[in-house]
Amino acid sequence: MSSTSAAIVANTTTRVAIGGGDIARKELLAALHVGKTVTYIAADMNPQTARDKAQKKGLPETTDFTGSAHTALAERR
């Protein structure tokens, strides 16, 4: 987690996210780990933006537009 994300988690009591990718996932899980309140609202990513990101990273074309934050938090339910 970046120093900025660590500072955000350390200096907030509640985290609210609407959708989210890898950075949001790391921040939300870190907040949960230290006992902070997390509110997550599912929201799909822009499909074209998600495809472009995957292509730039050399990954297969994206078919799931929920984001990694959704996947991580859905597993915790």
Protein backbone atom coordinates (compact mmCIF):
# COMPACT_ATOMS: atom_id res chain seq x y z
CA MET A 1 0.00 0.00 0.00
CA SER A 2 1.32 3.46 -0.84
CA SER A 3 2.23 5.97 1.85
CA THR A 4 -0.74 8.10 0.76
CA SER A 5 -3.15 5.18 1.17
CA ALA A 6 -1.61 4.31 4.54
CA ALA A 7 -2.10 7.90 5.70
CA ILE A 8 -5.72 7.87 4.54
CA VAL A 9 -6.44 4.66 6.43
CA ALA A 10 -4.62 5.86 9.55
CA ASN A 11 -6.37 9.22 9.68
CA THR A 12 -9.97 8.27 9.00
CA THR A 13 -12.54 6.50 11.11
CA THR A 14 -14.82 5.46 8.28
CA ARG A 15 -14.13 4.50 4.67
CA VAL A 16 -16.79 4.80 1.99
CA ALA A 17 -16.17 3.52 -1.51
CA ILE A 18 -18.36 3.46 -4.58
CA GLY A 19 -16.85 0.78 -6.76
CA GLY A 20 -13.10 0.61 -6.84
CA GLY A 21 -10.07 -1.13 -8.20
CA ASP A 22 -6.80 -2.27 -6.68
CA ILE A 23 -6.04 0.86 -4.66
CA ALA A 24 -9.52 1.02 -3.15
CA ARG A 25 -9.34 -2.71 -2.39
CA LYS A 26 -6.06 -2.28 -0.49
CA GLU A 27 -7.36 0.71 1.47
CA LEU A 28 -10.67 -0.92 2.35
CA LEU A 29 -9.10 -4.19 3.48
CA ALA A 30 -6.50 -2.30 5.52
CA ALA A 31 -9.26 -0.26 7.18
CA LEU A 32 -11.21 -3.43 8.00
CA HIS A 33 -8.04 -5.05 9.36
CA VAL A 34 -7.63 -2.29 11.94
CA GLY A 35 -11.32 -2.31 12.88
CA LYS A 36 -12.56 0.75 11.01
CA THR A 37 -16.05 1.01 9.56
CA VAL A 38 -16.22 0.38 5.82
CA THR A 39 -19.19 1.08 3.59
CA TYR A 40 -18.93 -0.34 0.10
CA ILE A 41 -21.39 0.48 -2.69
CA ALA A 42 -21.06 -1.67 -5.77
CA ALA A 43 -20.63 0.16 -9.07
CA ASP A 44 -19.41 -1.17 -12.38
CA MET A 45 -16.35 0.30 -14.05
CA ASN A 46 -16.51 1.89 -17.46
CA PRO A 47 -16.15 -1.16 -19.75
CA GLN A 48 -13.90 0.54 -22.30
CA THR A 49 -11.61 1.97 -19.62
CA ALA A 50 -11.34 -1.47 -18.01
CA ARG A 51 -10.49 -3.08 -21.36
CA ASP A 52 -7.87 -0.41 -22.08
CA LYS A 53 -6.22 -0.92 -18.68
CA ALA A 54 -6.09 -4.68 -19.18
CA GLN A 55 -4.60 -4.27 -22.64
CA LYS A 56 -1.90 -1.86 -21.36
CA LYS A 57 -0.96 -4.40 -18.68
CA GLY A 58 -0.88 -7.25 -21.22
CA LEU A 59 -3.77 -9.00 -19.51
CA PRO A 60 -6.69 -10.80 -21.18
CA GLU A 61 -9.68 -8.68 -22.14
CA THR A 62 -11.75 -7.85 -19.09
CA THR A 63 -15.22 -9.37 -18.82
CA ASP A 64 -15.87 -8.53 -15.15
CA PHE A 65 -16.46 -4.83 -14.60
CA THR A 66 -17.11 -4.91 -10.85
CA GLY A 67 -13.50 -4.17 -9.87
CA SER A 68 -11.17 -5.85 -7.43
CA ALA A 69 -12.63 -3.98 -4.44
CA HIS A 70 -15.98 -5.65 -5.08
CA THR A 71 -14.42 -9.08 -5.39
CA ALA A 72 -12.46 -8.70 -2.12
CA LEU A 73 -15.39 -7.37 -0.16
CA ALA A 74 -17.90 -9.85 -1.58
CA GLU A 75 -15.65 -12.65 -0.30
CA ARG A 76 -15.83 -11.21 3.24
CA ARG A 77 -19.64 -11.33 3.41
